[in-house]
Amino acid sequence: MRKSKLRYYEDIISVLYNKAKTIDEIAFNLNMDCLALQVKLDFLLENSLVEERQNNMVRVFALTKRGLAILKTITISKQLDKLRNTITKMDKTIRTVHASSENGFKRTNILD
């Protein structure tokens, strides 16, 4: 299945988290074509999530404060989603154990 644009933007921002990188470095990390990456970087530049810098006559891209805030928000959202899934599974397990103890150790599932 093909990645969504949002997933590509998220991946680019994640790659730029630690340090500024050239377009070739970003493309290599994401296993992506440089031309397709440039289009996505242009979008991120227009929305002030990434900035372009000159470093020793080489063009590099780095996260802005806004881009860093977006990355932190996405990270927290993913962690909360994992936590929600874990709690749901634990709740289902507890209900199953509780039902089995009430039915003389006959294993049943309340939710089904």
N, C-alpha and C. Protein backbone atom coordinates (compact mmCIF):
# COMPACT_ATOMS: atom_id res chain seq x y z
N MET A 1 0.84 -1.18 0.00
CA MET A 1 0.00 0.00 0.00
C MET A 1 0.88 1.24 0.00
N ARG A 2 0.45 2.24 -0.72
CA ARG A 2 1.20 3.47 -0.85
C ARG A 2 1.05 4.35 0.39
N LYS A 3 2.11 5.05 0.76
CA LYS A 3 2.08 5.94 1.91
C LYS A 3 1.26 7.19 1.58
N SER A 4 0.63 7.76 2.57
CA SER A 4 -0.10 9.01 2.39
C SER A 4 0.89 10.17 2.43
N LYS A 5 0.45 11.32 1.96
CA LYS A 5 1.30 12.51 1.98
C LYS A 5 1.66 12.88 3.42
N LEU A 6 0.68 12.76 4.29
CA LEU A 6 0.92 13.09 5.69
C LEU A 6 2.01 12.21 6.29
N ARG A 7 2.02 10.93 5.95
CA ARG A 7 3.03 10.01 6.45
C ARG A 7 4.42 10.41 5.92
N TYR A 8 4.50 10.82 4.64
CA TYR A 8 5.77 11.28 4.08
C TYR A 8 6.27 12.52 4.83
N TYR A 9 5.36 13.48 5.08
CA TYR A 9 5.75 14.69 5.79
C TYR A 9 6.24 14.35 7.20
N GLU A 10 5.56 13.44 7.84
CA GLU A 10 5.95 13.01 9.18
C GLU A 10 7.33 12.36 9.15
N ASP A 11 7.60 11.53 8.16
CA ASP A 11 8.90 10.86 8.04
C ASP A 11 10.02 11.87 7.80
N ILE A 12 9.76 12.86 6.96
CA ILE A 12 10.77 13.89 6.67
C ILE A 12 11.09 14.67 7.94
N ILE A 13 10.06 15.07 8.66
CA ILE A 13 10.27 15.82 9.90
C ILE A 13 11.04 14.97 10.91
N SER A 14 10.73 13.69 10.98
CA SER A 14 11.43 12.79 11.91
C SER A 14 12.91 12.67 11.57
N VAL A 15 13.22 12.59 10.29
CA VAL A 15 14.62 12.48 9.86
C VAL A 15 15.40 13.75 10.22
N LEU A 16 14.74 14.89 10.16
CA LEU A 16 15.41 16.16 10.45
C LEU A 16 15.44 16.50 11.93
N TYR A 17 14.95 15.63 12.77
CA TYR A 17 14.85 15.92 14.20
C TYR A 17 16.21 16.20 14.83
N ASN A 18 17.20 15.39 14.59
CA ASN A 18 18.49 15.51 15.28
C ASN A 18 19.40 16.58 14.70
N LYS A 19 19.44 16.68 13.36
CA LYS A 19 20.33 17.68 12.76
C LYS A 19 19.88 18.01 11.34
N ALA A 20 20.40 19.11 10.84
CA ALA A 20 20.11 19.53 9.47
C ALA A 20 20.79 18.57 8.50
N LYS A 21 20.10 18.29 7.38
CA LYS A 21 20.64 17.34 6.42
C LYS A 21 20.43 17.86 5.00
N THR A 22 21.26 17.34 4.10
CA THR A 22 21.10 17.67 2.69
C THR A 22 19.95 16.85 2.12
N ILE A 23 19.53 17.24 0.94
CA ILE A 23 18.43 16.53 0.30
C ILE A 23 18.82 15.08 0.00
N ASP A 24 20.09 14.86 -0.32
CA ASP A 24 20.56 13.49 -0.59
C ASP A 24 20.50 12.62 0.67
N GLU A 25 20.90 13.18 1.80
CA GLU A 25 20.85 12.44 3.06
C GLU A 25 19.42 12.08 3.45
N ILE A 26 18.52 13.04 3.27
CA ILE A 26 17.11 12.78 3.59
C ILE A 26 16.56 11.70 2.67
N ALA A 27 16.84 11.83 1.37
CA ALA A 27 16.35 10.85 0.40
C ALA A 27 16.89 9.46 0.70
N PHE A 28 18.14 9.38 1.09
CA PHE A 28 18.75 8.08 1.42
C PHE A 28 18.08 7.47 2.65
N ASN A 29 17.86 8.29 3.70
CA ASN A 29 17.22 7.79 4.92
C ASN A 29 15.80 7.30 4.68
N LEU A 30 15.10 7.94 3.74
CA LEU A 30 13.70 7.58 3.49
C LEU A 30 13.54 6.66 2.29
N ASN A 31 14.66 6.34 1.61
CA ASN A 31 14.61 5.51 0.42
C ASN A 31 13.62 6.11 -0.59
N MET A 32 13.89 7.35 -0.95
CA MET A 32 12.95 8.13 -1.75
C MET A 32 13.69 8.85 -2.87
N ASP A 33 13.00 9.13 -3.95
CA ASP A 33 13.57 9.86 -5.07
C ASP A 33 13.76 11.33 -4.69
N CYS A 34 14.87 11.93 -5.09
CA CYS A 34 15.18 13.32 -4.74
C CYS A 34 14.15 14.31 -5.31
N LEU A 35 13.66 14.05 -6.50
CA LEU A 35 12.68 14.96 -7.10
C LEU A 35 11.36 14.93 -6.35
N ALA A 36 10.91 13.75 -5.98
CA ALA A 36 9.67 13.64 -5.20
C ALA A 36 9.87 14.26 -3.82
N LEU A 37 11.04 14.08 -3.25
CA LEU A 37 11.34 14.66 -1.95
C LEU A 37 11.34 16.18 -2.02
N GLN A 38 11.86 16.73 -3.10
CA GLN A 38 11.91 18.19 -3.24
C GLN A 38 10.50 18.79 -3.23
N VAL A 39 9.56 18.13 -3.86
CA VAL A 39 8.17 18.60 -3.87
C VAL A 39 7.61 18.63 -2.44
N LYS A 40 7.89 17.60 -1.69
CA LYS A 40 7.40 17.52 -0.32
C LYS A 40 8.12 18.53 0.58
N LEU A 41 9.40 18.74 0.33
CA LEU A 41 10.14 19.74 1.10
C LEU A 41 9.63 21.15 0.80
N ASP A 42 9.25 21.40 -0.45
CA ASP A 42 8.69 22.71 -0.81
C ASP A 42 7.42 22.99 0.00
N PHE A 43 6.57 21.98 0.15
CA PHE A 43 5.36 22.14 0.95
C PHE A 43 5.71 22.46 2.40
N LEU A 44 6.68 21.73 2.95
CA LEU A 44 7.09 21.97 4.34
C LEU A 44 7.73 23.35 4.50
N LEU A 45 8.46 23.80 3.49
CA LEU A 45 9.06 25.14 3.52
C LEU A 45 7.97 26.22 3.49
N GLU A 46 6.97 26.04 2.64
CA GLU A 46 5.88 27.01 2.53
C GLU A 46 5.11 27.15 3.83
N ASN A 47 5.02 26.06 4.58
CA ASN A 47 4.26 26.07 5.83
C ASN A 47 5.13 26.28 7.07
N SER A 48 6.36 26.69 6.85
CA SER A 48 7.31 27.04 7.92
C SER A 48 7.58 25.92 8.91
N LEU A 49 7.57 24.69 8.42
CA LEU A 49 7.93 23.55 9.27
C LEU A 49 9.40 23.19 9.12
N VAL A 50 9.96 23.54 7.97
CA VAL A 50 11.35 23.27 7.65
C VAL A 50 11.95 24.56 7.10
N GLU A 51 13.22 24.78 7.37
CA GLU A 51 13.91 25.94 6.80
C GLU A 51 15.13 25.48 6.02
N GLU A 52 15.47 26.27 5.03
CA GLU A 52 16.63 25.97 4.19
C GLU A 52 17.80 26.83 4.67
N ARG A 53 18.96 26.21 4.79
CA ARG A 53 20.16 26.92 5.24
C ARG A 53 21.31 26.63 4.29
N GLN A 54 22.30 27.51 4.32
CA GLN A 54 23.55 27.28 3.59
C GLN A 54 24.62 26.93 4.61
N ASN A 55 25.23 25.78 4.44
CA ASN A 55 26.27 25.33 5.36
C ASN A 55 27.48 24.90 4.53
N ASN A 56 28.53 25.73 4.55
CA ASN A 56 29.75 25.46 3.78
C ASN A 56 29.43 25.26 2.29
N MET A 57 28.65 26.16 1.74
CA MET A 57 28.29 26.14 0.32
C MET A 57 27.41 24.94 -0.05
N VAL A 58 26.81 24.32 0.94
CA VAL A 58 25.91 23.18 0.71
C VAL A 58 24.55 23.55 1.26
N ARG A 59 23.51 23.25 0.51
CA ARG A 59 22.15 23.54 0.93
C ARG A 59 21.66 22.41 1.84
N VAL A 60 21.27 22.78 3.08
CA VAL A 60 20.76 21.81 4.03
C VAL A 60 19.37 22.25 4.50
N PHE A 61 18.63 21.29 5.02
CA PHE A 61 17.29 21.56 5.54
C PHE A 61 17.26 21.22 7.01
N ALA A 62 16.56 22.06 7.79
CA ALA A 62 16.48 21.86 9.23
C ALA A 62 15.06 22.15 9.71
N LEU A 63 14.71 21.61 10.85
CA LEU A 63 13.40 21.86 11.44
C LEU A 63 13.34 23.25 12.04
N THR A 64 12.18 23.85 11.95
CA THR A 64 11.93 25.11 12.65
C THR A 64 11.30 24.77 14.00
N LYS A 65 11.07 25.77 14.83
CA LYS A 65 10.41 25.54 16.11
C LYS A 65 9.00 25.00 15.89
N ARG A 66 8.35 25.50 14.85
CA ARG A 66 7.01 25.03 14.53
C ARG A 66 7.04 23.55 14.11
N GLY A 67 8.02 23.19 13.31
CA GLY A 67 8.17 21.80 12.89
C GLY A 67 8.45 20.88 14.06
N LEU A 68 9.26 21.34 14.99
CA LEU A 68 9.57 20.56 16.19
C LEU A 68 8.32 20.37 17.04
N ALA A 69 7.51 21.42 17.16
CA ALA A 69 6.25 21.32 17.92
C ALA A 69 5.30 20.31 17.28
N ILE A 70 5.23 20.31 15.95
CA ILE A 70 4.38 19.35 15.24
C ILE A 70 4.87 17.93 15.48
N LEU A 71 6.19 17.73 15.41
CA LEU A 71 6.77 16.40 15.63
C LEU A 71 6.46 15.90 17.04
N LYS A 72 6.58 16.76 18.03
CA LYS A 72 6.28 16.37 19.41
C LYS A 72 4.81 16.02 19.57
N THR A 73 3.95 16.78 18.92
CA THR A 73 2.50 16.51 18.98
C THR A 73 2.18 15.16 18.36
N ILE A 74 2.77 14.87 17.22
CA ILE A 74 2.55 13.58 16.55
C ILE A 74 3.05 12.43 17.42
N THR A 75 4.22 12.61 18.03
CA THR A 75 4.79 11.58 18.89
C THR A 75 3.89 11.30 20.09
N ILE A 76 3.40 12.35 20.73
CA ILE A 76 2.51 12.19 21.88
C ILE A 76 1.22 11.51 21.44
N SER A 77 0.70 11.89 20.30
CA SER A 77 -0.54 11.29 19.78
C SER A 77 -0.37 9.80 19.55
N LYS A 78 0.76 9.39 18.98
CA LYS A 78 1.03 7.97 18.75
C LYS A 78 1.14 7.21 20.07
N GLN A 79 1.80 7.81 21.06
CA GLN A 79 1.94 7.16 22.36
C GLN A 79 0.59 6.99 23.04
N LEU A 80 -0.27 8.00 22.93
CA LEU A 80 -1.60 7.90 23.52
C LEU A 80 -2.44 6.84 22.82
N ASP A 81 -2.28 6.72 21.51
CA ASP A 81 -3.01 5.70 20.77
C ASP A 81 -2.57 4.30 21.20
N LYS A 82 -1.27 4.09 21.37
CA LYS A 82 -0.76 2.80 21.85
C LYS A 82 -1.30 2.50 23.24
N LEU A 83 -1.31 3.52 24.09
CA LEU A 83 -1.81 3.35 25.45
C LEU A 83 -3.29 2.99 25.45
N ARG A 84 -4.06 3.64 24.59
CA ARG A 84 -5.49 3.34 24.49
C ARG A 84 -5.71 1.89 24.05
N ASN A 85 -4.95 1.44 23.07
CA ASN A 85 -5.07 0.05 22.61
C ASN A 85 -4.69 -0.94 23.71
N THR A 86 -3.65 -0.64 24.46
CA THR A 86 -3.22 -1.51 25.55
C THR A 86 -4.28 -1.58 26.63
N ILE A 87 -4.86 -0.44 26.98
CA ILE A 87 -5.90 -0.42 28.02
C ILE A 87 -7.13 -1.20 27.56
N THR A 88 -7.49 -1.08 26.30
CA THR A 88 -8.63 -1.82 25.77
C THR A 88 -8.38 -3.32 25.87
N LYS A 89 -7.18 -3.76 25.50
CA LYS A 89 -6.85 -5.19 25.59
C LYS A 89 -6.85 -5.67 27.04
N MET A 90 -6.30 -4.86 27.94
CA MET A 90 -6.27 -5.24 29.35
C MET A 90 -7.68 -5.33 29.91
N ASP A 91 -8.53 -4.39 29.56
CA ASP A 91 -9.91 -4.39 30.03
C ASP A 91 -10.64 -5.65 29.55
N LYS A 92 -10.44 -6.01 28.31
CA LYS A 92 -11.07 -7.21 27.75
C LYS A 92 -10.58 -8.46 28.48
N THR A 93 -9.27 -8.51 28.77
CA THR A 93 -8.70 -9.64 29.50
C THR A 93 -9.26 -9.73 30.91
N ILE A 94 -9.36 -8.62 31.59
CA ILE A 94 -9.88 -8.60 32.95
C ILE A 94 -11.34 -9.05 32.97
N ARG A 95 -12.11 -8.60 32.02
CA ARG A 95 -13.52 -9.02 31.95
C ARG A 95 -13.63 -10.52 31.70
N THR A 96 -12.74 -11.05 30.86
CA THR A 96 -12.76 -12.49 30.59
C THR A 96 -12.40 -13.28 31.84
N VAL A 97 -11.37 -12.85 32.56
CA VAL A 97 -10.94 -13.53 33.78
C VAL A 97 -12.05 -13.45 34.83
N HIS A 98 -12.65 -12.29 34.96
CA HIS A 98 -13.72 -12.10 35.94
C HIS A 98 -14.91 -13.01 35.62
N ALA A 99 -15.29 -13.07 34.37
CA ALA A 99 -16.42 -13.91 33.96
C ALA A 99 -16.10 -15.39 34.18
N SER A 100 -14.86 -15.80 33.93
CA SER A 100 -14.50 -17.20 34.10
C SER A 100 -14.49 -17.59 35.57
N SER A 101 -14.12 -16.67 36.45
CA SER A 101 -14.12 -17.00 37.88
C SER A 101 -15.55 -17.08 38.42
N GLU A 102 -16.47 -16.32 37.89
CA GLU A 102 -17.86 -16.37 38.32
C GLU A 102 -18.57 -17.61 37.80
N ASN A 103 -18.12 -18.16 36.69
CA ASN A 103 -18.77 -19.31 36.07
C ASN A 103 -18.07 -20.62 36.40
N GLY A 104 -17.42 -20.68 37.50
CA GLY A 104 -16.74 -21.92 37.89
C GLY A 104 -15.61 -22.26 36.95
N PHE A 105 -14.79 -21.28 36.59
CA PHE A 105 -13.62 -21.42 35.73
C PHE A 105 -13.98 -21.81 34.30
N LYS A 106 -15.21 -21.65 33.92
CA LYS A 106 -15.58 -21.83 32.52
C LYS A 106 -15.23 -20.55 31.79
N ARG A 107 -14.40 -20.64 30.79
CA ARG A 107 -13.90 -19.46 30.11
C ARG A 107 -14.94 -18.92 29.13
N THR A 108 -15.42 -17.73 29.41
CA THR A 108 -16.36 -17.04 28.51
C THR A 108 -15.89 -15.62 28.34
N ASN A 109 -16.40 -14.99 27.35
CA ASN A 109 -16.00 -13.61 27.08
C ASN A 109 -17.26 -12.76 27.10
N ILE A 110 -17.32 -11.80 27.97
CA ILE A 110 -18.50 -10.94 28.11
C ILE A 110 -18.72 -10.09 26.86
N LEU A 111 -17.65 -9.63 26.25
CA LEU A 111 -17.78 -8.70 25.13
C LEU A 111 -18.32 -9.36 23.87
N ASP A 112 -18.13 -10.66 23.71
CA ASP A 112 -18.57 -11.34 22.49
C ASP A 112 -20.01 -11.71 22.50
